[in-house]
Protein backbone atom coordinates (compact mmCIF):
# COMPACT_ATOMS: atom_id res chain seq x y z
CA UNK A 1 141.47 96.00 113.39
CA UNK A 2 142.42 99.53 112.36
CA UNK A 3 145.48 100.32 110.12
CA UNK A 4 145.97 102.75 107.26
CA UNK A 5 144.75 100.44 104.96
CA UNK A 6 141.31 99.86 106.14
CA UNK A 7 140.45 103.29 108.24
CA UNK A 8 139.59 106.10 106.24
CA UNK A 9 140.97 108.62 109.48
CA UNK A 10 144.25 106.81 109.61
CA UNK A 11 143.98 106.78 105.69
CA UNK A 12 144.09 111.07 105.88
CA UNK A 13 146.46 111.28 109.36
CA UNK A 14 149.06 108.84 107.86
CA UNK A 15 149.07 111.07 104.58
CA UNK A 16 149.04 114.63 106.02
CA UNK A 17 150.84 114.28 108.87
CA UNK A 18 153.10 111.32 107.73
CA UNK A 19 154.60 113.07 104.55
CA UNK A 20 156.16 116.26 106.21
CA UNK A 21 157.06 114.27 108.90
CA UNK A 22 159.35 111.83 106.98
CA UNK A 23 160.51 114.19 104.43
CA UNK A 24 162.11 116.15 107.89
CA UNK A 25 163.19 112.63 108.80
CA UNK A 26 164.70 112.11 106.06
CA UNK A 27 166.13 115.50 106.56
CA UNK A 28 167.89 114.61 109.74
CA UNK A 29 169.30 111.00 108.20
CA UNK A 30 170.89 112.74 105.35
CA UNK A 31 173.04 115.41 107.77
CA UNK A 32 173.30 112.64 110.33
CA UNK A 33 175.06 111.15 107.17
CA UNK A 34 177.86 113.76 106.26
CA UNK A 35 178.86 112.93 109.38
CA UNK A 36 178.49 108.63 109.69
CA UNK A 37 177.09 107.24 106.73
CA UNK A 38 174.94 103.72 107.54
CA UNK A 39 176.53 100.19 105.78
CA UNK A 40 174.95 97.11 104.91
CA UNK A 41 176.58 94.55 107.32
CA UNK A 42 177.72 91.27 105.22
CA UNK A 43 176.19 89.13 107.24
CA UNK A 44 172.72 90.38 109.37
CA UNK A 45 171.99 88.11 112.14
CA UNK A 46 168.73 89.42 112.90
CA UNK A 47 166.79 90.42 109.80
CA UNK A 48 163.16 92.18 110.29
CA UNK A 49 160.02 92.21 107.47
CA UNK A 50 157.54 94.29 107.88
CA UNK A 51 154.37 93.95 105.92
CA UNK A 52 151.60 95.76 108.10
CA UNK A 53 148.58 94.13 105.99
CA UNK A 54 147.13 91.56 103.27
CA UNK A 55 146.71 88.13 103.10
CA UNK A 56 147.17 88.45 99.49
CA UNK A 57 150.75 90.29 99.58
CA UNK A 58 151.90 88.36 102.58
CA UNK A 59 151.65 85.26 100.97
CA UNK A 60 153.94 86.81 97.63
CA UNK A 61 155.98 87.42 99.50
CA UNK A 62 156.59 84.18 100.57
CA UNK A 63 159.38 83.51 98.44
CA UNK A 64 161.66 86.57 99.57
CA UNK A 65 162.02 84.71 103.04
CA UNK A 66 163.39 81.75 101.51
CA UNK A 67 165.68 83.85 99.34
CA UNK A 68 166.85 85.73 102.84
CA UNK A 69 167.26 82.26 104.30
CA UNK A 70 169.62 80.61 101.27
CA UNK A 71 171.49 83.66 101.62
CA UNK A 72 171.78 84.70 105.43
CA UNK A 73 171.57 80.53 106.37
CA UNK A 74 172.59 81.96 109.97
CA UNK A 75 170.18 84.93 110.44
CA UNK A 76 167.10 85.13 112.26
CA UNK A 77 164.11 86.69 110.35
CA UNK A 78 161.51 88.01 111.85
CA UNK A 79 158.04 89.20 109.80
CA UNK A 80 156.41 91.74 111.51
CA UNK A 81 152.72 91.42 110.66
CA UNK A 82 149.26 93.78 111.36
CA UNK A 83 146.35 92.59 113.04
CA UNK A 84 144.65 91.57 109.62
CA UNK A 85 147.19 89.20 108.35
CA UNK A 86 148.73 88.13 111.76
CA UNK A 87 146.63 84.93 112.19
CA UNK A 88 147.36 84.00 108.62
CA UNK A 89 150.84 85.09 109.19
CA UNK A 90 151.30 82.66 112.29
CA UNK A 91 151.47 79.62 109.23
CA UNK A 92 154.85 80.11 108.10
CA UNK A 93 157.03 80.50 111.64
CA UNK A 94 158.86 78.41 112.29
CA UNK A 95 162.34 77.61 114.11
CA UNK A 96 164.45 80.31 111.97
CA UNK A 97 161.09 82.79 111.34
CA UNK A 98 159.38 84.21 114.21
CA UNK A 99 156.06 86.16 113.75
CA UNK A 100 155.07 89.28 116.10
CA UNK A 101 151.77 91.40 115.67
CA UNK A 102 152.29 95.02 115.70
CA UNK A 103 149.10 97.18 116.47
CA UNK A 104 149.82 99.73 113.48
CA UNK A 105 147.11 102.18 115.54
CA UNK A 106 149.51 102.54 118.46
CA UNK A 107 152.55 103.49 116.58
CA UNK A 108 154.40 104.11 119.80
CA UNK A 109 153.75 100.84 121.35
CA UNK A 110 155.01 99.36 117.01
CA UNK A 111 157.79 101.37 117.57
CA UNK A 112 159.01 99.97 121.89
CA UNK A 113 158.56 96.12 119.84
CA UNK A 114 160.70 97.03 116.88
CA UNK A 115 163.80 98.45 118.90
CA UNK A 116 163.77 95.34 121.21
CA UNK A 117 164.93 93.18 118.45
CA UNK A 118 167.82 94.80 117.23
CA UNK A 119 167.52 94.77 113.81
CA UNK A 120 170.70 94.72 111.56
CA UNK A 121 168.30 95.02 108.32
CA UNK A 122 164.92 96.08 108.28
CA UNK A 123 163.27 95.44 105.23
CA UNK A 124 159.79 96.93 104.46
CA UNK A 125 157.15 95.51 102.34
CA UNK A 126 154.39 97.69 102.47
CA UNK A 127 153.75 99.91 99.44
CA UNK A 128 152.26 103.61 100.37
CA UNK A 129 151.79 103.61 104.44
CA UNK A 130 154.01 106.26 105.29
CA UNK A 131 153.67 105.30 109.05
CA UNK A 132 155.72 102.16 107.49
CA UNK A 133 158.50 104.61 106.75
CA UNK A 134 158.73 106.34 110.35
CA UNK A 135 158.66 103.53 112.27
CA UNK A 136 161.42 101.75 110.07
CA UNK A 137 163.09 105.40 110.99
CA UNK A 138 163.00 104.83 114.74
CA UNK A 139 163.27 101.01 114.69
CA UNK A 140 166.84 101.18 115.61
CA UNK A 141 167.96 98.83 112.92
CA UNK A 142 171.57 99.21 111.37
CA UNK A 143 170.26 99.74 107.94
CA UNK A 144 166.80 100.12 106.40
CA UNK A 145 165.08 99.82 103.03
CA UNK A 146 162.34 100.41 101.68
CA UNK A 147 160.01 101.45 98.72
CA UNK A 148 160.77 105.03 96.76
CA UNK A 149 156.34 105.00 95.43
CA UNK A 150 155.87 107.63 93.11
CA UNK A 151 153.24 110.23 94.47
CA UNK A 152 153.86 108.29 98.17
CA UNK A 153 156.57 110.30 99.51
CA UNK A 154 157.83 108.03 102.25
CA UNK A 155 161.17 106.78 100.86
CA UNK A 156 163.24 109.84 102.94
CA UNK A 157 163.45 107.95 106.04
CA UNK A 158 164.96 104.60 104.28
CA UNK A 159 168.89 104.02 103.87
CA UNK A 160 168.12 102.27 100.26
CA UNK A 161 164.58 102.89 98.59
CA UNK A 162 164.09 100.86 96.07
CA UNK A 163 161.49 102.34 93.26
CA UNK A 164 158.29 100.53 93.03
CA UNK A 165 156.82 100.37 90.07
CA UNK A 166 152.89 99.73 88.50
CA UNK A 167 153.80 98.14 85.43
CA UNK A 168 154.61 94.53 87.37
CA UNK A 169 153.03 92.26 89.03
CA UNK A 170 153.07 92.89 93.02
CA UNK A 171 155.92 89.63 93.08
CA UNK A 172 158.27 90.94 90.93
CA UNK A 173 158.01 94.38 93.21
CA UNK A 174 158.75 93.01 96.38
CA UNK A 175 162.04 90.41 94.47
CA UNK A 176 163.14 93.92 93.76
CA UNK A 177 163.39 94.92 97.29
CA UNK A 178 165.77 91.89 97.43
CA UNK A 179 167.57 92.10 94.80
CA UNK A 180 168.46 95.68 95.94
CA UNK A 181 170.75 93.70 98.32
CA UNK A 182 172.49 91.67 95.84
CA UNK A 183 170.23 88.48 95.92
CA UNK A 184 168.84 87.41 92.82
CA UNK A 185 165.37 86.06 93.71
CA UNK A 186 164.68 82.24 92.88
CA UNK A 187 162.08 81.08 95.18
CA UNK A 188 158.39 81.26 94.16
CA UNK A 189 156.01 82.10 96.65
CA UNK A 190 154.95 78.89 98.31
CA UNK A 191 152.65 78.03 100.98
CA UNK A 192 153.09 76.02 104.00
CA UNK A 193 151.70 71.91 104.46
CA UNK A 194 148.62 72.00 105.68
CA UNK A 195 147.67 69.29 108.39
CA UNK A 196 144.30 69.97 108.59
CA UNK A 197 141.88 67.66 107.32
CA UNK A 198 138.72 68.07 104.57
CA UNK A 199 137.99 64.40 104.43
CA UNK A 200 134.60 65.56 105.42
CA UNK A 201 133.58 67.60 102.59
CA UNK A 202 131.61 65.72 100.26
CA UNK A 203 133.77 65.33 96.64
CA UNK A 204 134.03 66.79 94.29
CA UNK A 205 133.47 70.28 95.30
CA UNK A 206 134.44 73.84 94.15
CA UNK A 207 134.91 76.40 96.65
CA UNK A 208 133.83 79.69 95.44
CA UNK A 209 134.89 82.93 97.37
CA UNK A 210 132.42 85.86 96.88
CA UNK A 211 133.62 88.78 99.19
CA UNK A 212 136.98 90.80 99.11
CA UNK A 213 137.83 93.01 101.80
CA UNK A 214 139.68 96.22 102.06
CA UNK A 215 138.67 99.64 100.96
CA UNK A 216 135.43 100.16 98.96
CA UNK A 217 135.79 96.03 98.37
CA UNK A 218 132.56 96.36 97.47
CA UNK A 219 133.03 97.80 93.67
CA UNK A 220 135.05 94.05 93.67
CA UNK A 221 132.03 92.06 93.74
CA UNK A 222 130.52 90.03 91.62
CA UNK A 223 126.67 90.22 91.07
CA UNK A 224 124.43 88.14 93.34
CA UNK A 225 122.58 86.90 90.44
CA UNK A 226 125.80 85.80 88.58
CA UNK A 227 126.73 83.60 91.25
CA UNK A 228 123.55 82.11 91.98
CA UNK A 229 123.86 81.46 88.23
CA UNK A 230 127.18 79.97 88.48
CA UNK A 231 126.15 78.01 91.42
CA UNK A 232 123.14 76.29 89.43
CA UNK A 233 125.44 75.38 86.56
CA UNK A 234 128.21 74.06 89.12
CA UNK A 235 125.60 71.84 90.67
CA UNK A 236 124.37 70.80 87.38
CA UNK A 237 128.17 69.82 86.60
CA UNK A 238 127.96 66.68 90.05
CA UNK A 239 130.08 69.71 91.81
CA UNK A 240 129.24 70.69 95.97
CA UNK A 241 130.23 73.80 96.40
CA UNK A 242 131.87 75.27 99.20
CA UNK A 243 131.66 79.18 100.22
CA UNK A 244 134.78 80.21 102.21
CA UNK A 245 133.96 83.33 104.04
CA UNK A 246 134.35 86.25 106.95
CA UNK A 247 132.09 86.32 109.68
CA UNK A 248 130.95 89.23 108.85
CA UNK A 249 129.62 86.86 105.43
CA UNK A 250 128.77 83.86 106.68
CA UNK A 251 124.82 85.22 107.28
CA UNK A 252 124.66 86.98 104.06
CA UNK A 253 126.11 83.34 102.07
CA UNK A 254 122.97 81.92 103.57
CA UNK A 255 120.53 84.80 102.70
CA UNK A 256 121.59 84.80 99.30
CA UNK A 257 121.20 81.03 98.75
CA UNK A 258 118.06 80.80 101.52
CA UNK A 259 116.51 77.72 99.44
CA UNK A 260 119.78 75.79 99.25
CA UNK A 261 121.71 73.59 101.38
CA UNK A 262 124.72 75.35 101.15
CA UNK A 263 128.46 74.67 102.68
CA UNK A 264 129.60 77.60 104.29
CA UNK A 265 133.34 77.18 105.90
CA UNK A 266 134.29 79.93 108.77
CA UNK A 267 137.87 77.39 109.41
CA UNK A 268 140.66 78.59 110.41
CA UNK A 269 143.95 79.28 107.67
CA UNK A 270 144.92 75.90 108.21
CA UNK A 271 141.88 74.34 107.63
CA UNK A 272 141.00 76.59 104.46
CA UNK A 273 144.78 75.70 103.30
CA UNK A 274 143.69 72.53 102.97
CA UNK A 275 139.78 73.19 102.20
CA UNK A 276 141.07 74.82 98.43
CA UNK A 277 143.75 72.21 98.73
CA UNK A 278 141.42 69.62 97.75
CA UNK A 279 139.40 71.64 95.91
CA UNK A 280 138.62 70.49 92.11
CA UNK A 281 138.35 74.33 91.63
CA UNK A 282 138.92 78.25 93.01
CA UNK A 283 136.60 80.39 91.95
CA UNK A 284 137.27 83.97 93.59
CA UNK A 285 137.04 87.63 93.04
CA UNK A 286 140.60 89.23 93.88
CA UNK A 287 141.48 88.68 97.36
CA UNK A 288 144.01 86.44 99.15
CA UNK A 289 141.79 83.59 99.04
CA UNK A 290 142.57 83.96 95.34
CA UNK A 291 146.25 83.77 95.72
CA UNK A 292 146.20 81.12 98.38
CA UNK A 293 144.36 78.71 96.28
CA UNK A 294 146.32 79.65 92.52
CA UNK A 295 149.94 79.16 95.04
CA UNK A 296 148.63 76.30 96.06
CA UNK A 297 148.77 74.69 92.48
CA UNK A 298 144.65 74.13 92.43
CA UNK A 299 143.02 74.95 89.58
CA UNK A 300 141.88 79.09 90.13
CA UNK A 301 139.81 81.41 88.29
CA UNK A 302 140.42 85.30 89.63
CA UNK A 303 137.97 87.30 88.31
CA UNK A 304 138.66 91.06 87.93
CA UNK A 305 136.92 94.48 88.00
CA UNK A 306 138.88 97.67 89.26
CA UNK A 307 141.68 95.40 90.44
CA UNK A 308 144.59 95.23 87.42
CA UNK A 309 145.87 91.44 86.26
CA UNK A 310 148.86 92.61 85.66
CA UNK A 311 149.49 93.91 89.04
CA UNK A 312 147.69 91.51 91.19
CA UNK A 313 146.25 88.46 89.26
CA UNK A 314 147.01 84.93 90.39
CA UNK A 315 149.88 83.08 90.15
CA UNK A 316 150.23 79.17 89.57
CA UNK A 317 150.88 77.14 86.63
CA UNK A 318 146.94 76.34 86.68
CA UNK A 319 145.28 79.95 87.73
CA UNK A 320 143.81 82.18 85.19
CA UNK A 321 142.32 85.52 85.71
CA UNK A 322 139.28 86.71 83.78
CA UNK A 323 138.18 90.59 83.38
CA UNK A 324 135.56 92.50 83.28
CA UNK A 325 134.87 94.20 79.72
CA UNK A 326 134.02 97.18 80.87
CA UNK A 327 136.33 99.84 78.96
CA UNK A 328 137.75 101.45 82.06
CA UNK A 329 138.26 98.24 84.16
CA UNK A 330 141.77 97.14 86.14
CA UNK A 331 142.66 100.69 86.92
CA UNK A 332 143.70 99.66 90.69
CA UNK A 333 147.44 99.73 91.02
CA UNK A 334 148.01 100.61 94.98
CA UNK A 335 144.48 99.57 95.45
CA UNK A 336 142.74 103.35 96.42
CA UNK A 337 142.89 104.61 92.86
CA UNK A 338 139.38 104.89 92.53
CA UNK A 339 136.79 107.55 90.35
CA UNK A 340 135.14 109.83 91.08
CA UNK A 341 132.17 109.42 90.70
CA UNK A 342 132.80 105.60 91.65
CA UNK A 343 131.62 102.97 88.54
CA UNK A 344 130.76 99.33 88.88
CA UNK A 345 132.69 97.23 86.19
CA UNK A 346 131.90 94.15 87.69
CA UNK A 347 128.46 94.24 86.35
CA UNK A 348 130.35 93.93 83.31
CA UNK A 349 131.97 90.55 83.92
CA UNK A 350 128.94 88.23 82.55
CA UNK A 351 128.32 84.22 83.56
CA UNK A 352 129.08 83.93 80.21
CA UNK A 353 131.89 84.96 80.04
CA UNK A 354 133.25 82.29 83.32
CA UNK A 355 131.51 79.04 81.63
CA UNK A 356 133.95 78.34 79.16
CA UNK A 357 136.56 77.94 82.49
CA UNK A 358 134.80 76.32 84.22
CA UNK A 359 136.39 72.83 84.93
CA UNK A 360 134.20 69.60 84.56
CA UNK A 361 134.19 66.11 86.22
CA UNK A 362 136.32 64.54 83.17
CA UNK A 363 138.60 66.76 83.85
């Protein structure tokens, strides 16, 4: 699933070629603007939303979708996703919202798809990739909006840019894009109702999610010894434990708990939502599963090391987050600001730090 987020070569190209390209496109837009300034339609009929990757980001912007639908009830919204978040985003599809897959490693194909929709408005929710800005420029959309992210030089190609802030939760950054359109956001992130059934799982159960995704994901992992100890404590408290995992992680979980009859879910996204919604508690490293569980209203504990809680912590009435005690933990903002040499800050998050947050049967 190649994208600038996960492919190192594409990421280098995105920066080395993307910055001068976006600057040139911005200059062309400025020159054209001297003769004809592009204006946002008061009632756009076709609104495109570009979110090229990340399940967690996709669910965090879901409230903005409802805000746009409330403001423009006659409009049709199209959410353009990449290969990594398309299957999940399909859960949101309904009559007024279409989900379209873009293969970001094929930009010319992406441009053809975007242009075919003849958009009145395109909102880019991407935080740093320059390729998004290039696609927006060539999308044939009548008006484009995107982030002006410090140090990323991507905003020149948009008709309107919004400062991306490192001091607020990402949900607020997404809402600021909506505010720039004169809309006061009032909807929280939400999940579509799951029609799947998890009744076959032994209740009560907890859900553990051990492995994150993205660049240098191994630095966000909690130690295997810690997970083993937490598993034994959950079993001691009479909980079953369900492990959610991607196909590439199933074998690792079974090897890690080789002496146990563990339950590992490789379910579809709809089934995974049902599993999360029926859990007594979800404990997860910082990744999409954590955000899904928290927004679903399930008691959720997010385990943070490099990732800053104030930027990417779980959102929900029953959600809590705990961070490593390492003095240099929580240093990630956009997700790629890893120091050299690398630091293993997750080792300073102990089982004893987590136990006070562990639920009991009595609750």
